[in-house]
């Protein structure tokens, strides 16, 4: 994990003056009127020997960007809300969407769905949860779990 102050982040991205630095969201900083993605700062500061970037977010209390790195990640998402159920019907696509936020420099290597969605006693086409496995690019092909999807 790497931590970068908001003013250092602005300097890193080429902004000389950091009089007004703010964090309007958990993933963007505002350097004197220019919005910058926290993820872009982490990618620029990351060295060749660092593990791949998983995600970047802003700790607003400490006014710093947190760059989380790693070689693999596993995410399990419930499919209970209306939007989630819709996304879970295409589990592979959902995992690819989550990859951008939580496993930025990794690849989706396995997707599995668990259980059958149940809404007010009626079974749905989507699973009750989806698990996404991410790893470094190893040339492996995406593997689906056909039994549970």
N, C-alpha and C. Protein backbone atom coordinates (compact mmCIF):
# COMPACT_ATOMS: atom_id res chain seq x y z
N UNK A 1 0.85 -1.17 0.00
CA UNK A 1 0.00 0.00 0.00
C UNK A 1 0.90 1.23 0.00
N UNK A 2 0.53 2.20 -0.82
CA UNK A 2 1.25 3.44 -0.91
C UNK A 2 0.28 4.57 -0.57
N UNK A 3 0.77 5.57 0.16
CA UNK A 3 -0.07 6.71 0.56
C UNK A 3 0.58 7.98 0.03
N UNK A 4 -0.24 8.83 -0.60
CA UNK A 4 0.26 10.06 -1.21
C UNK A 4 -0.62 11.22 -0.75
N UNK A 5 0.00 12.26 -0.20
CA UNK A 5 -0.80 13.42 0.22
C UNK A 5 -1.43 14.07 -1.01
N UNK A 6 -2.53 14.77 -0.81
CA UNK A 6 -3.22 15.40 -1.93
C UNK A 6 -2.34 16.45 -2.61
N UNK A 7 -1.56 17.20 -1.83
CA UNK A 7 -0.69 18.21 -2.45
C UNK A 7 0.42 17.54 -3.26
N UNK A 8 1.00 16.44 -2.75
CA UNK A 8 2.01 15.70 -3.52
C UNK A 8 1.40 15.11 -4.79
N UNK A 9 0.14 14.70 -4.71
CA UNK A 9 -0.54 14.14 -5.88
C UNK A 9 -0.65 15.20 -6.97
N UNK A 10 -1.00 16.41 -6.58
CA UNK A 10 -1.09 17.50 -7.56
C UNK A 10 0.27 17.78 -8.19
N UNK A 11 1.33 17.79 -7.37
CA UNK A 11 2.70 18.00 -7.88
C UNK A 11 3.05 16.89 -8.87
N UNK A 12 2.74 15.66 -8.51
CA UNK A 12 3.04 14.51 -9.37
C UNK A 12 2.39 14.66 -10.73
N UNK A 13 1.19 15.23 -10.76
CA UNK A 13 0.46 15.37 -12.01
C UNK A 13 0.77 16.68 -12.73
N UNK A 14 1.81 17.40 -12.27
CA UNK A 14 2.29 18.57 -12.98
C UNK A 14 1.69 19.91 -12.56
N UNK A 15 1.00 19.96 -11.45
CA UNK A 15 0.44 21.21 -10.97
C UNK A 15 1.38 21.82 -9.93
N UNK A 16 1.95 22.98 -10.25
CA UNK A 16 2.95 23.61 -9.38
C UNK A 16 2.34 24.21 -8.12
N UNK A 17 1.17 24.76 -8.24
CA UNK A 17 0.55 25.45 -7.10
C UNK A 17 -0.56 24.61 -6.51
N UNK A 18 -0.46 24.36 -5.22
CA UNK A 18 -1.46 23.52 -4.54
C UNK A 18 -2.20 24.31 -3.46
N UNK A 19 -2.55 25.55 -3.75
CA UNK A 19 -3.25 26.37 -2.75
C UNK A 19 -4.65 25.82 -2.47
N UNK A 20 -5.33 25.41 -3.50
CA UNK A 20 -6.69 24.88 -3.35
C UNK A 20 -6.73 23.45 -3.85
N UNK A 21 -6.58 22.52 -2.93
CA UNK A 21 -6.65 21.10 -3.26
C UNK A 21 -7.80 20.52 -2.46
N UNK A 22 -8.70 19.83 -3.16
CA UNK A 22 -9.90 19.29 -2.51
C UNK A 22 -10.16 17.89 -3.04
N UNK A 23 -10.99 17.16 -2.33
CA UNK A 23 -11.41 15.83 -2.76
C UNK A 23 -12.93 15.82 -2.90
N UNK A 24 -13.45 16.13 -4.10
CA UNK A 24 -14.89 16.18 -4.28
C UNK A 24 -15.57 14.82 -4.26
N UNK A 25 -14.80 13.74 -4.41
CA UNK A 25 -15.34 12.38 -4.35
C UNK A 25 -14.28 11.46 -3.76
N UNK A 26 -14.60 10.20 -3.65
CA UNK A 26 -13.63 9.24 -3.10
C UNK A 26 -12.61 8.77 -4.14
N UNK A 27 -12.78 9.19 -5.39
CA UNK A 27 -11.86 8.74 -6.44
C UNK A 27 -11.26 9.87 -7.26
N UNK A 28 -11.63 11.13 -6.97
CA UNK A 28 -11.09 12.28 -7.70
C UNK A 28 -10.55 13.34 -6.74
N UNK A 29 -9.49 14.02 -7.18
CA UNK A 29 -9.04 15.20 -6.45
C UNK A 29 -9.17 16.40 -7.38
N UNK A 30 -9.29 17.57 -6.78
CA UNK A 30 -9.40 18.82 -7.53
C UNK A 30 -8.17 19.65 -7.22
N UNK A 31 -7.30 19.78 -8.22
CA UNK A 31 -6.07 20.58 -8.08
C UNK A 31 -6.30 21.92 -8.76
N UNK A 32 -6.65 22.91 -7.98
CA UNK A 32 -6.86 24.27 -8.51
C UNK A 32 -7.80 24.27 -9.72
N UNK A 33 -8.89 23.50 -9.64
CA UNK A 33 -9.89 23.48 -10.70
C UNK A 33 -9.74 22.37 -11.72
N UNK A 34 -8.70 21.57 -11.62
CA UNK A 34 -8.50 20.45 -12.54
C UNK A 34 -8.80 19.14 -11.81
N UNK A 35 -9.77 18.37 -12.32
CA UNK A 35 -10.10 17.08 -11.71
C UNK A 35 -9.12 16.02 -12.16
N UNK A 36 -8.61 15.26 -11.20
CA UNK A 36 -7.64 14.20 -11.47
C UNK A 36 -8.10 12.93 -10.78
N UNK A 37 -8.02 11.80 -11.50
CA UNK A 37 -8.40 10.51 -10.91
C UNK A 37 -7.29 10.05 -9.96
N UNK A 38 -7.68 9.60 -8.79
CA UNK A 38 -6.71 9.06 -7.82
C UNK A 38 -5.93 7.90 -8.45
N UNK A 39 -6.61 7.11 -9.23
CA UNK A 39 -5.98 5.97 -9.90
C UNK A 39 -4.83 6.41 -10.80
N UNK A 40 -5.00 7.53 -11.51
CA UNK A 40 -3.93 8.03 -12.39
C UNK A 40 -2.70 8.45 -11.60
N UNK A 41 -2.92 9.03 -10.42
CA UNK A 41 -1.80 9.43 -9.56
C UNK A 41 -1.03 8.19 -9.11
N UNK A 42 -1.76 7.17 -8.68
CA UNK A 42 -1.11 5.93 -8.21
C UNK A 42 -0.31 5.28 -9.33
N UNK A 43 -0.88 5.25 -10.53
CA UNK A 43 -0.18 4.63 -11.65
C UNK A 43 1.09 5.40 -12.00
N UNK A 44 1.05 6.71 -11.87
CA UNK A 44 2.23 7.53 -12.17
C UNK A 44 3.31 7.37 -11.10
N UNK A 45 2.92 7.23 -9.83
CA UNK A 45 3.88 7.10 -8.72
C UNK A 45 4.40 5.67 -8.55
N UNK A 46 3.69 4.70 -9.09
CA UNK A 46 4.03 3.30 -8.91
C UNK A 46 5.34 2.96 -9.62
N UNK A 47 6.20 2.23 -8.93
CA UNK A 47 7.47 1.82 -9.55
C UNK A 47 7.28 0.48 -10.25
N UNK A 48 8.25 0.14 -11.06
CA UNK A 48 8.21 -1.12 -11.81
C UNK A 48 8.17 -2.35 -10.91
N UNK A 49 8.77 -2.25 -9.72
CA UNK A 49 8.84 -3.42 -8.84
C UNK A 49 7.61 -3.57 -7.95
N UNK A 50 6.77 -2.53 -7.90
CA UNK A 50 5.54 -2.63 -7.09
C UNK A 50 4.60 -3.66 -7.71
N UNK A 51 3.80 -4.31 -6.87
CA UNK A 51 2.78 -5.20 -7.41
C UNK A 51 1.76 -4.39 -8.20
N UNK A 52 0.91 -5.04 -8.99
CA UNK A 52 -0.11 -4.32 -9.76
C UNK A 52 -1.05 -3.52 -8.86
N UNK A 53 -1.59 -2.43 -9.41
CA UNK A 53 -2.55 -1.60 -8.69
C UNK A 53 -3.91 -2.29 -8.66
N UNK A 54 -4.45 -2.45 -7.46
CA UNK A 54 -5.80 -3.00 -7.33
C UNK A 54 -6.82 -1.87 -7.41
N UNK A 55 -6.66 -0.88 -6.54
CA UNK A 55 -7.59 0.25 -6.54
C UNK A 55 -6.95 1.45 -5.87
N UNK A 56 -7.53 2.60 -6.13
CA UNK A 56 -7.07 3.85 -5.52
C UNK A 56 -8.30 4.57 -4.99
N UNK A 57 -8.18 5.10 -3.78
CA UNK A 57 -9.27 5.88 -3.21
C UNK A 57 -8.69 6.98 -2.34
N UNK A 58 -9.54 7.92 -1.96
CA UNK A 58 -9.09 9.04 -1.17
C UNK A 58 -9.60 8.91 0.26
N UNK A 59 -8.67 8.98 1.20
CA UNK A 59 -9.02 9.04 2.62
C UNK A 59 -9.24 10.52 2.91
N UNK A 60 -10.50 10.93 2.94
CA UNK A 60 -10.81 12.36 3.07
C UNK A 60 -10.41 12.93 4.43
N UNK A 61 -10.46 12.12 5.48
CA UNK A 61 -10.08 12.62 6.81
C UNK A 61 -8.59 12.96 6.87
N UNK A 62 -7.77 12.10 6.28
CA UNK A 62 -6.32 12.33 6.30
C UNK A 62 -5.84 13.11 5.09
N UNK A 63 -6.74 13.40 4.14
CA UNK A 63 -6.42 14.14 2.92
C UNK A 63 -5.26 13.49 2.17
N UNK A 64 -5.44 12.21 1.86
CA UNK A 64 -4.41 11.47 1.15
C UNK A 64 -5.04 10.43 0.22
N UNK A 65 -4.28 10.08 -0.79
CA UNK A 65 -4.68 9.02 -1.72
C UNK A 65 -4.06 7.73 -1.23
N UNK A 66 -4.85 6.67 -1.19
CA UNK A 66 -4.38 5.35 -0.81
C UNK A 66 -4.35 4.48 -2.06
N UNK A 67 -3.18 3.94 -2.35
CA UNK A 67 -3.00 3.05 -3.51
C UNK A 67 -2.85 1.63 -2.98
N UNK A 68 -3.83 0.79 -3.22
CA UNK A 68 -3.75 -0.60 -2.78
C UNK A 68 -3.24 -1.45 -3.92
N UNK A 69 -2.26 -2.29 -3.61
CA UNK A 69 -1.62 -3.11 -4.63
C UNK A 69 -1.65 -4.57 -4.23
N UNK A 70 -1.57 -5.45 -5.21
CA UNK A 70 -1.56 -6.88 -4.93
C UNK A 70 -1.51 -7.68 -6.21
N UNK A 71 -1.27 -8.96 -6.08
CA UNK A 71 -1.16 -9.82 -7.26
C UNK A 71 -2.43 -10.61 -7.53
N UNK A 72 -3.38 -10.59 -6.59
CA UNK A 72 -4.65 -11.27 -6.82
C UNK A 72 -5.72 -10.66 -5.92
N UNK A 73 -6.97 -10.90 -6.30
CA UNK A 73 -8.09 -10.40 -5.51
C UNK A 73 -9.30 -11.29 -5.75
N UNK A 74 -10.14 -11.42 -4.73
CA UNK A 74 -11.39 -12.17 -4.84
C UNK A 74 -12.50 -11.28 -4.31
N UNK A 75 -13.54 -11.10 -5.11
CA UNK A 75 -14.70 -10.30 -4.70
C UNK A 75 -15.94 -11.16 -4.76
N UNK A 76 -16.73 -11.13 -3.70
CA UNK A 76 -18.03 -11.80 -3.69
C UNK A 76 -19.09 -10.74 -3.53
N UNK A 77 -20.03 -10.71 -4.45
CA UNK A 77 -21.07 -9.70 -4.44
C UNK A 77 -22.44 -10.36 -4.35
N UNK A 78 -23.28 -9.83 -3.46
CA UNK A 78 -24.66 -10.30 -3.36
C UNK A 78 -25.49 -9.76 -4.51
N UNK A 79 -26.54 -10.47 -4.85
CA UNK A 79 -27.39 -10.08 -5.98
C UNK A 79 -28.81 -9.83 -5.50
N UNK A 80 -28.96 -9.05 -4.44
CA UNK A 80 -30.28 -8.91 -3.84
C UNK A 80 -31.09 -7.73 -4.35
N UNK A 81 -30.46 -6.60 -4.65
CA UNK A 81 -31.20 -5.44 -5.14
C UNK A 81 -31.56 -5.58 -6.60
N UNK A 82 -32.47 -4.74 -7.07
CA UNK A 82 -32.93 -4.80 -8.46
C UNK A 82 -31.76 -4.63 -9.44
N UNK A 83 -30.92 -3.60 -9.21
CA UNK A 83 -29.78 -3.36 -10.09
C UNK A 83 -28.78 -4.52 -10.04
N UNK A 84 -28.52 -5.02 -8.82
CA UNK A 84 -27.56 -6.11 -8.68
C UNK A 84 -28.07 -7.38 -9.38
N UNK A 85 -29.35 -7.67 -9.24
CA UNK A 85 -29.91 -8.85 -9.92
C UNK A 85 -29.71 -8.75 -11.42
N UNK A 86 -29.94 -7.56 -11.95
CA UNK A 86 -29.77 -7.35 -13.39
C UNK A 86 -28.32 -7.59 -13.79
N UNK A 87 -27.38 -7.06 -12.99
CA UNK A 87 -25.96 -7.23 -13.29
C UNK A 87 -25.53 -8.68 -13.14
N UNK A 88 -26.09 -9.38 -12.16
CA UNK A 88 -25.68 -10.76 -11.88
C UNK A 88 -26.13 -11.73 -12.96
N UNK A 89 -27.12 -11.37 -13.77
CA UNK A 89 -27.53 -12.26 -14.86
C UNK A 89 -26.42 -12.41 -15.88
N UNK A 90 -25.52 -11.42 -15.94
CA UNK A 90 -24.33 -11.50 -16.78
C UNK A 90 -23.12 -11.42 -15.84
N UNK A 91 -22.87 -12.51 -15.12
CA UNK A 91 -21.83 -12.52 -14.09
C UNK A 91 -20.46 -12.13 -14.64
N UNK A 92 -20.11 -12.61 -15.81
CA UNK A 92 -18.81 -12.31 -16.40
C UNK A 92 -18.69 -10.80 -16.65
N UNK A 93 -19.72 -10.19 -17.22
CA UNK A 93 -19.73 -8.75 -17.47
C UNK A 93 -19.66 -7.95 -16.17
N UNK A 94 -20.37 -8.44 -15.14
CA UNK A 94 -20.36 -7.77 -13.83
C UNK A 94 -18.94 -7.77 -13.26
N UNK A 95 -18.26 -8.91 -13.35
CA UNK A 95 -16.89 -9.00 -12.84
C UNK A 95 -15.96 -8.06 -13.61
N UNK A 96 -16.16 -7.96 -14.91
CA UNK A 96 -15.32 -7.06 -15.71
C UNK A 96 -15.58 -5.60 -15.33
N UNK A 97 -16.82 -5.29 -14.97
CA UNK A 97 -17.15 -3.94 -14.50
C UNK A 97 -16.47 -3.66 -13.15
N UNK A 98 -16.49 -4.64 -12.26
CA UNK A 98 -15.87 -4.50 -10.94
C UNK A 98 -14.35 -4.43 -11.02
N UNK A 99 -13.80 -5.05 -12.05
CA UNK A 99 -12.35 -5.07 -12.24
C UNK A 99 -11.79 -3.65 -12.30
N UNK A 100 -12.46 -2.75 -12.98
CA UNK A 100 -11.97 -1.37 -13.11
C UNK A 100 -11.86 -0.68 -11.75
N UNK A 101 -12.79 -1.00 -10.82
CA UNK A 101 -12.79 -0.34 -9.52
C UNK A 101 -11.92 -1.03 -8.47
N UNK A 102 -11.85 -2.37 -8.52
CA UNK A 102 -11.24 -3.11 -7.41
C UNK A 102 -10.03 -3.96 -7.78
N UNK A 103 -9.75 -4.13 -9.05
CA UNK A 103 -8.61 -4.95 -9.47
C UNK A 103 -8.06 -4.40 -10.78
N UNK A 104 -7.76 -3.12 -10.77
CA UNK A 104 -7.48 -2.36 -11.98
C UNK A 104 -6.46 -3.00 -12.92
N UNK A 105 -5.33 -3.43 -12.42
CA UNK A 105 -4.28 -3.98 -13.29
C UNK A 105 -4.26 -5.51 -13.31
N UNK A 106 -5.32 -6.13 -12.84
CA UNK A 106 -5.40 -7.59 -12.87
C UNK A 106 -6.40 -8.03 -13.93
N UNK A 107 -6.42 -9.32 -14.19
CA UNK A 107 -7.34 -9.89 -15.18
C UNK A 107 -8.37 -10.76 -14.46
N UNK A 108 -9.56 -10.84 -15.03
CA UNK A 108 -10.58 -11.75 -14.51
C UNK A 108 -10.17 -13.15 -14.98
N UNK A 109 -9.95 -14.06 -14.02
CA UNK A 109 -9.53 -15.42 -14.40
C UNK A 109 -10.59 -16.47 -14.07
N UNK A 110 -11.57 -16.12 -13.24
CA UNK A 110 -12.62 -17.09 -12.90
C UNK A 110 -13.85 -16.35 -12.41
N UNK A 111 -15.00 -16.82 -12.81
CA UNK A 111 -16.27 -16.25 -12.38
C UNK A 111 -17.17 -17.40 -11.96
N UNK A 112 -17.83 -17.25 -10.81
CA UNK A 112 -18.80 -18.28 -10.43
C UNK A 112 -20.01 -17.63 -9.77
N UNK A 113 -21.15 -18.24 -10.01
CA UNK A 113 -22.39 -17.79 -9.38
C UNK A 113 -22.82 -18.83 -8.38
N UNK A 114 -23.44 -18.42 -7.30
CA UNK A 114 -23.82 -19.35 -6.24
C UNK A 114 -25.29 -19.21 -5.93
N UNK A 115 -25.96 -20.33 -5.85
CA UNK A 115 -27.37 -20.33 -5.49
C UNK A 115 -28.22 -19.74 -6.58
N UNK A 116 -29.51 -19.77 -6.35
CA UNK A 116 -30.43 -19.20 -7.31
C UNK A 116 -31.14 -18.04 -6.64
N UNK A 117 -31.23 -16.92 -7.33
CA UNK A 117 -31.89 -15.74 -6.78
C UNK A 117 -33.32 -16.05 -6.39
N UNK A 118 -33.78 -15.47 -5.30
CA UNK A 118 -35.13 -15.71 -4.80
C UNK A 118 -35.72 -14.36 -4.40
N UNK A 119 -36.75 -13.93 -5.12
CA UNK A 119 -37.39 -12.66 -4.82
C UNK A 119 -38.85 -12.93 -4.51
N UNK A 120 -39.26 -12.66 -3.26
CA UNK A 120 -40.64 -12.88 -2.82
C UNK A 120 -41.11 -14.28 -3.16
N UNK A 121 -40.23 -15.24 -2.93
CA UNK A 121 -40.61 -16.63 -3.12
C UNK A 121 -40.49 -17.12 -4.54
N UNK A 122 -40.15 -16.26 -5.50
CA UNK A 122 -40.02 -16.67 -6.89
C UNK A 122 -38.55 -16.73 -7.27
N UNK A 123 -38.16 -17.83 -7.92
CA UNK A 123 -36.78 -17.94 -8.36
C UNK A 123 -36.55 -17.09 -9.60
N UNK A 124 -35.40 -16.48 -9.66
CA UNK A 124 -35.03 -15.61 -10.77
C UNK A 124 -33.92 -16.28 -11.58
N UNK A 125 -33.60 -15.67 -12.71
CA UNK A 125 -32.55 -16.20 -13.57
C UNK A 125 -31.16 -15.90 -13.04
N UNK A 126 -31.02 -14.95 -12.13
CA UNK A 126 -29.69 -14.59 -11.65
C UNK A 126 -29.34 -15.38 -10.39
N UNK A 127 -28.04 -15.62 -10.17
CA UNK A 127 -27.62 -16.29 -8.93
C UNK A 127 -27.82 -15.37 -7.73
N UNK A 128 -27.77 -15.92 -6.52
CA UNK A 128 -27.92 -15.10 -5.32
C UNK A 128 -26.62 -14.36 -4.99
N UNK A 129 -25.48 -14.83 -5.52
CA UNK A 129 -24.21 -14.13 -5.37
C UNK A 129 -23.28 -14.50 -6.51
N UNK A 130 -22.34 -13.60 -6.77
CA UNK A 130 -21.34 -13.82 -7.81
C UNK A 130 -19.97 -13.63 -7.18
N UNK A 131 -19.04 -14.53 -7.49
CA UNK A 131 -17.67 -14.41 -7.00
C UNK A 131 -16.75 -14.23 -8.20
N UNK A 132 -15.90 -13.21 -8.12
CA UNK A 132 -14.96 -12.89 -9.19
C UNK A 132 -13.54 -13.12 -8.67
N UNK A 133 -12.75 -13.82 -9.44
CA UNK A 133 -11.34 -14.07 -9.09
C UNK A 133 -10.48 -13.31 -10.08
N UNK A 134 -9.55 -12.50 -9.56
CA UNK A 134 -8.66 -11.69 -10.39
C UNK A 134 -7.22 -12.09 -10.10
N UNK A 135 -6.39 -12.08 -11.14
CA UNK A 135 -4.98 -12.40 -10.97
C UNK A 135 -4.17 -11.66 -12.02
N UNK A 136 -2.84 -11.67 -11.83
CA UNK A 136 -1.97 -11.05 -12.82
C UNK A 136 -2.13 -11.77 -14.14
N UNK A 137 -1.83 -11.07 -15.23
CA UNK A 137 -1.94 -11.66 -16.55
C UNK A 137 -0.98 -12.83 -16.65
N UNK A 138 -1.56 -14.00 -16.73
CA UNK A 138 -0.73 -15.20 -16.80
C UNK A 138 -0.97 -15.93 -18.11
N UNK A 139 -1.70 -15.30 -19.02
CA UNK A 139 -2.02 -15.97 -20.27
C UNK A 139 -3.14 -16.97 -20.10
N UNK A 140 -3.68 -17.07 -18.88
CA UNK A 140 -4.79 -18.00 -18.65
C UNK A 140 -6.06 -17.45 -19.25
N UNK A 141 -6.92 -18.36 -19.66
CA UNK A 141 -8.20 -17.99 -20.23
C UNK A 141 -9.22 -17.87 -19.11
N UNK A 142 -10.21 -17.01 -19.31
CA UNK A 142 -11.29 -16.86 -18.35
C UNK A 142 -12.02 -18.19 -18.19
N UNK A 143 -12.19 -18.62 -16.95
CA UNK A 143 -12.86 -19.88 -16.67
C UNK A 143 -14.18 -19.56 -15.99
N UNK A 144 -15.28 -20.07 -16.55
CA UNK A 144 -16.58 -19.90 -15.93
C UNK A 144 -16.92 -21.18 -15.17
N UNK A 145 -17.73 -21.07 -14.15
CA UNK A 145 -18.20 -22.22 -13.41
C UNK A 145 -19.58 -22.58 -13.98
N UNK A 146 -19.65 -23.48 -14.97
CA UNK A 146 -20.91 -23.76 -15.64
C UNK A 146 -21.93 -24.44 -14.74
N UNK A 147 -21.50 -25.05 -13.69
CA UNK A 147 -22.42 -25.75 -12.79
C UNK A 147 -23.30 -24.75 -12.05
N UNK A 148 -22.71 -23.66 -11.60
CA UNK A 148 -23.45 -22.73 -10.76
C UNK A 148 -23.97 -21.49 -11.48
N UNK A 149 -23.58 -21.25 -12.73
CA UNK A 149 -24.04 -20.04 -13.41
C UNK A 149 -25.35 -20.22 -14.10
